[in-house]
Amino acid sequence: MPGLDRGSLDKFIRIERPVADAGFDGAGSGSWELIDEVWANVQDALPSRGERLAGGINVAARPARVRIDYREDITASMRFVLGSRIMQIVSEGAELGRQDGLEFMTEEYRPAGNPA
């Protein structure tokens, strides 16, 4: 299995994890905490594959592959942030080489059509 091409890590992204709101009325209103900032390779999938119907609403899920150096502390509950782009991790990391790197599938959700 080929390893990670470190020369392709050209984007500086944030890795964030959810922090639950401990208040009685805070259900669903947690925040995000920075874990680390790392170099990554972000490869967008073809746009035509990113649209679907969710609950009767057309949603554009901008799928992408994100590759980073190997680490063991990232779970599917976390997210990557690249500037104003927020990418939810939708699959556990696939190992590249022998603990050389990781590849994640992500999706960025936003309503399709004209921005509000």
C-alpha atoms as a PDB file:
ATOM      1  CA  MET A   1       0.000   0.000   0.000  1.00  0.00           C
ATOM      2  CA  PRO A   2       1.495   3.380  -0.951  1.00  0.00           C
ATOM      3  CA  GLY A   3       2.316   5.827   1.809  1.00  0.00           C
ATOM      4  CA  LEU A   4       1.530   9.498   2.161  1.00  0.00           C
ATOM      5  CA  ASP A   5       3.131  11.978  -0.255  1.00  0.00           C
ATOM      6  CA  ARG A   6       4.126  14.707   2.217  1.00  0.00           C
ATOM      7  CA  GLY A   7       4.739  17.121  -0.664  1.00  0.00           C
ATOM      8  CA  SER A   8       0.980  17.102  -1.320  1.00  0.00           C
ATOM      9  CA  LEU A   9       0.130  18.416   2.168  1.00  0.00           C
ATOM     10  CA  ASP A  10      -0.591  21.971   1.041  1.00  0.00           C
ATOM     11  CA  LYS A  11      -3.511  23.098   3.246  1.00  0.00           C
ATOM     12  CA  PHE A  12      -3.294  24.069   6.926  1.00  0.00           C
ATOM     13  CA  ILE A  13      -6.413  22.741   8.689  1.00  0.00           C
ATOM     14  CA  ARG A  14      -7.795  22.701  12.212  1.00  0.00           C
ATOM     15  CA  ILE A  15      -8.847  19.472  13.919  1.00  0.00           C
ATOM     16  CA  GLU A  16     -11.697  20.087  16.370  1.00  0.00           C
ATOM     17  CA  ARG A  17     -13.693  17.882  18.729  1.00  0.00           C
ATOM     18  CA  PRO A  18     -17.169  18.504  20.142  1.00  0.00           C
ATOM     19  CA  VAL A  19     -17.566  19.763  23.690  1.00  0.00           C
ATOM     20  CA  ALA A  20     -20.971  19.116  25.226  1.00  0.00           C
ATOM     21  CA  ASP A  21     -22.831  21.882  27.031  1.00  0.00           C
ATOM     22  CA  ALA A  22     -23.067  20.733  30.663  1.00  0.00           C
ATOM     23  CA  GLY A  23     -26.111  22.917  31.414  1.00  0.00           C
ATOM     24  CA  PHE A  24     -29.545  21.411  31.977  1.00  0.00           C
ATOM     25  CA  ASP A  25     -30.983  23.242  28.968  1.00  0.00           C
ATOM     26  CA  GLY A  26     -27.863  22.883  26.808  1.00  0.00           C
ATOM     27  CA  ALA A  27     -28.836  19.788  24.838  1.00  0.00           C
ATOM     28  CA  GLY A  28     -27.548  20.118  21.285  1.00  0.00           C
ATOM     29  CA  SER A  29     -25.810  23.431  21.935  1.00  0.00           C
ATOM     30  CA  GLY A  30     -22.246  22.334  22.588  1.00  0.00           C
ATOM     31  CA  SER A  31     -19.171  23.973  21.127  1.00  0.00           C
ATOM     32  CA  TRP A  32     -15.970  22.846  19.406  1.00  0.00           C
ATOM     33  CA  GLU A  33     -12.482  22.659  20.896  1.00  0.00           C
ATOM     34  CA  LEU A  34      -9.212  22.867  18.965  1.00  0.00           C
ATOM     35  CA  ILE A  35      -7.155  19.662  19.081  1.00  0.00           C
ATOM     36  CA  ASP A  36      -4.391  20.610  16.654  1.00  0.00           C
ATOM     37  CA  GLU A  37      -3.550  22.439  13.433  1.00  0.00           C
ATOM     38  CA  VAL A  38      -1.874  20.279  10.806  1.00  0.00           C
ATOM     39  CA  TRP A  39      -0.892  20.226   7.134  1.00  0.00           C
ATOM     40  CA  ALA A  40      -3.302  18.268   4.952  1.00  0.00           C
ATOM     41  CA  ASN A  41      -4.211  17.387   1.396  1.00  0.00           C
ATOM     42  CA  VAL A  42      -7.882  18.101   0.592  1.00  0.00           C
ATOM     43  CA  GLN A  43      -9.290  16.526  -2.583  1.00  0.00           C
ATOM     44  CA  ASP A  44     -12.868  17.466  -3.482  1.00  0.00           C
ATOM     45  CA  ALA A  45     -15.098  14.820  -5.084  1.00  0.00           C
ATOM     46  CA  LEU A  46     -17.019  15.599  -8.268  1.00  0.00           C
ATOM     47  CA  PRO A  47     -19.905  18.054  -7.606  1.00  0.00           C
ATOM     48  CA  SER A  48     -22.529  15.862  -9.296  1.00  0.00           C
ATOM     49  CA  ARG A  49     -22.070  13.224  -6.620  1.00  0.00           C
ATOM     50  CA  GLY A  50     -22.621  15.677  -3.786  1.00  0.00           C
ATOM     51  CA  GLU A  51     -26.344  16.403  -4.073  1.00  0.00           C
ATOM     52  CA  ARG A  52     -29.107  14.412  -2.438  1.00  0.00           C
ATOM     53  CA  LEU A  53     -32.536  14.734  -0.912  1.00  0.00           C
ATOM     54  CA  ALA A  54     -32.545  14.757   2.905  1.00  0.00           C
ATOM     55  CA  GLY A  55     -35.891  14.992   4.655  1.00  0.00           C
ATOM     56  CA  GLY A  56     -37.464  16.602   1.583  1.00  0.00           C
ATOM     57  CA  ILE A  57     -34.782  19.311   1.404  1.00  0.00           C
ATOM     58  CA  ASN A  58     -32.165  19.308  -1.330  1.00  0.00           C
ATOM     59  CA  VAL A  59     -28.833  19.336   0.454  1.00  0.00           C
ATOM     60  CA  ALA A  60     -25.455  19.792  -1.175  1.00  0.00           C
ATOM     61  CA  ALA A  61     -22.954  17.637   0.692  1.00  0.00           C
ATOM     62  CA  ARG A  62     -19.568  18.690  -0.615  1.00  0.00           C
ATOM     63  CA  PRO A  63     -17.624  15.435  -0.192  1.00  0.00           C
ATOM     64  CA  ALA A  64     -13.844  15.430   0.035  1.00  0.00           C
ATOM     65  CA  ARG A  65     -10.923  13.203   0.936  1.00  0.00           C
ATOM     66  CA  VAL A  66      -8.612  14.627   3.590  1.00  0.00           C
ATOM     67  CA  ARG A  67      -5.131  13.173   4.032  1.00  0.00           C
ATOM     68  CA  ILE A  68      -2.893  13.963   7.001  1.00  0.00           C
ATOM     69  CA  ASP A  69       0.120  12.517   8.794  1.00  0.00           C
ATOM     70  CA  TYR A  70      -0.678   9.437  10.882  1.00  0.00           C
ATOM     71  CA  ARG A  71      -2.060   9.960  14.382  1.00  0.00           C
ATOM     72  CA  GLU A  72      -4.281   7.903  16.672  1.00  0.00           C
ATOM     73  CA  ASP A  73      -6.438  10.557  18.322  1.00  0.00           C
ATOM     74  CA  ILE A  74      -8.976  11.382  15.579  1.00  0.00           C
ATOM     75  CA  THR A  75     -12.502   9.921  15.608  1.00  0.00           C
ATOM     76  CA  ALA A  76     -15.528  10.278  13.338  1.00  0.00           C
ATOM     77  CA  SER A  77     -17.150  12.607  15.910  1.00  0.00           C
ATOM     78  CA  MET A  78     -14.563  15.305  15.105  1.00  0.00           C
ATOM     79  CA  ARG A  79     -14.337  17.758  12.235  1.00  0.00           C
ATOM     80  CA  PHE A  80     -11.779  19.540  10.073  1.00  0.00           C
ATOM     81  CA  VAL A  81     -11.896  23.296   9.462  1.00  0.00           C
ATOM     82  CA  LEU A  82     -10.235  24.916   6.456  1.00  0.00           C
ATOM     83  CA  GLY A  83     -10.827  28.660   6.577  1.00  0.00           C
ATOM     84  CA  SER A  84     -14.617  29.107   6.604  1.00  0.00           C
ATOM     85  CA  ARG A  85     -15.164  25.557   5.327  1.00  0.00           C
ATOM     86  CA  ILE A  86     -16.290  23.039   7.964  1.00  0.00           C
ATOM     87  CA  MET A  87     -15.894  19.372   7.041  1.00  0.00           C
ATOM     88  CA  GLN A  88     -17.620  16.694   9.109  1.00  0.00           C
ATOM     89  CA  ILE A  89     -15.704  13.394   9.226  1.00  0.00           C
ATOM     90  CA  VAL A  90     -17.981  10.651   7.868  1.00  0.00           C
ATOM     91  CA  SER A  91     -15.582   7.683   8.019  1.00  0.00           C
ATOM     92  CA  GLU A  92     -12.843   6.518  10.335  1.00  0.00           C
ATOM     93  CA  GLY A  93      -9.366   7.127   8.973  1.00  0.00           C
ATOM     94  CA  ALA A  94      -7.900   4.657   6.500  1.00  0.00           C
ATOM     95  CA  GLU A  95      -4.220   3.987   7.149  1.00  0.00           C
ATOM     96  CA  LEU A  96      -1.834   4.892   4.321  1.00  0.00           C
ATOM     97  CA  GLY A  97       1.338   2.814   4.284  1.00  0.00           C
ATOM     98  CA  ARG A  98       2.501   1.540   7.645  1.00  0.00           C
ATOM     99  CA  GLN A  99       1.300   4.312   9.949  1.00  0.00           C
ATOM    100  CA  ASP A 100       2.564   6.814   7.390  1.00  0.00           C
ATOM    101  CA  GLY A 101      -0.660   8.770   6.945  1.00  0.00           C
ATOM    102  CA  LEU A 102      -4.447   8.716   7.245  1.00  0.00           C
ATOM    103  CA  GLU A 103      -7.217   9.387   4.746  1.00  0.00           C
ATOM    104  CA  PHE A 104     -10.687  10.499   5.862  1.00  0.00           C
ATOM    105  CA  MET A 105     -13.907  10.993   3.923  1.00  0.00           C
ATOM    106  CA  THR A 106     -15.638  14.243   4.861  1.00  0.00           C
ATOM    107  CA  GLU A 107     -18.765  16.169   3.931  1.00  0.00           C
ATOM    108  CA  GLU A 108     -19.596  19.834   4.146  1.00  0.00           C
ATOM    109  CA  TYR A 109     -23.327  20.372   4.545  1.00  0.00           C
ATOM    110  CA  ARG A 110     -25.063  23.468   3.257  1.00  0.00           C
ATOM    111  CA  PRO A 111     -28.492  24.080   1.733  1.00  0.00           C
ATOM    112  CA  ALA A 112     -28.466  23.832  -2.056  1.00  0.00           C
ATOM    113  CA  GLY A 113     -29.521  26.819  -4.129  1.00  0.00           C
ATOM    114  CA  ASN A 114     -29.124  30.498  -3.395  1.00  0.00           C
ATOM    115  CA  PRO A 115     -27.359  31.423  -0.148  1.00  0.00           C
ATOM    116  CA  ALA A 116     -29.509  33.161   2.443  1.00  0.00           C
END
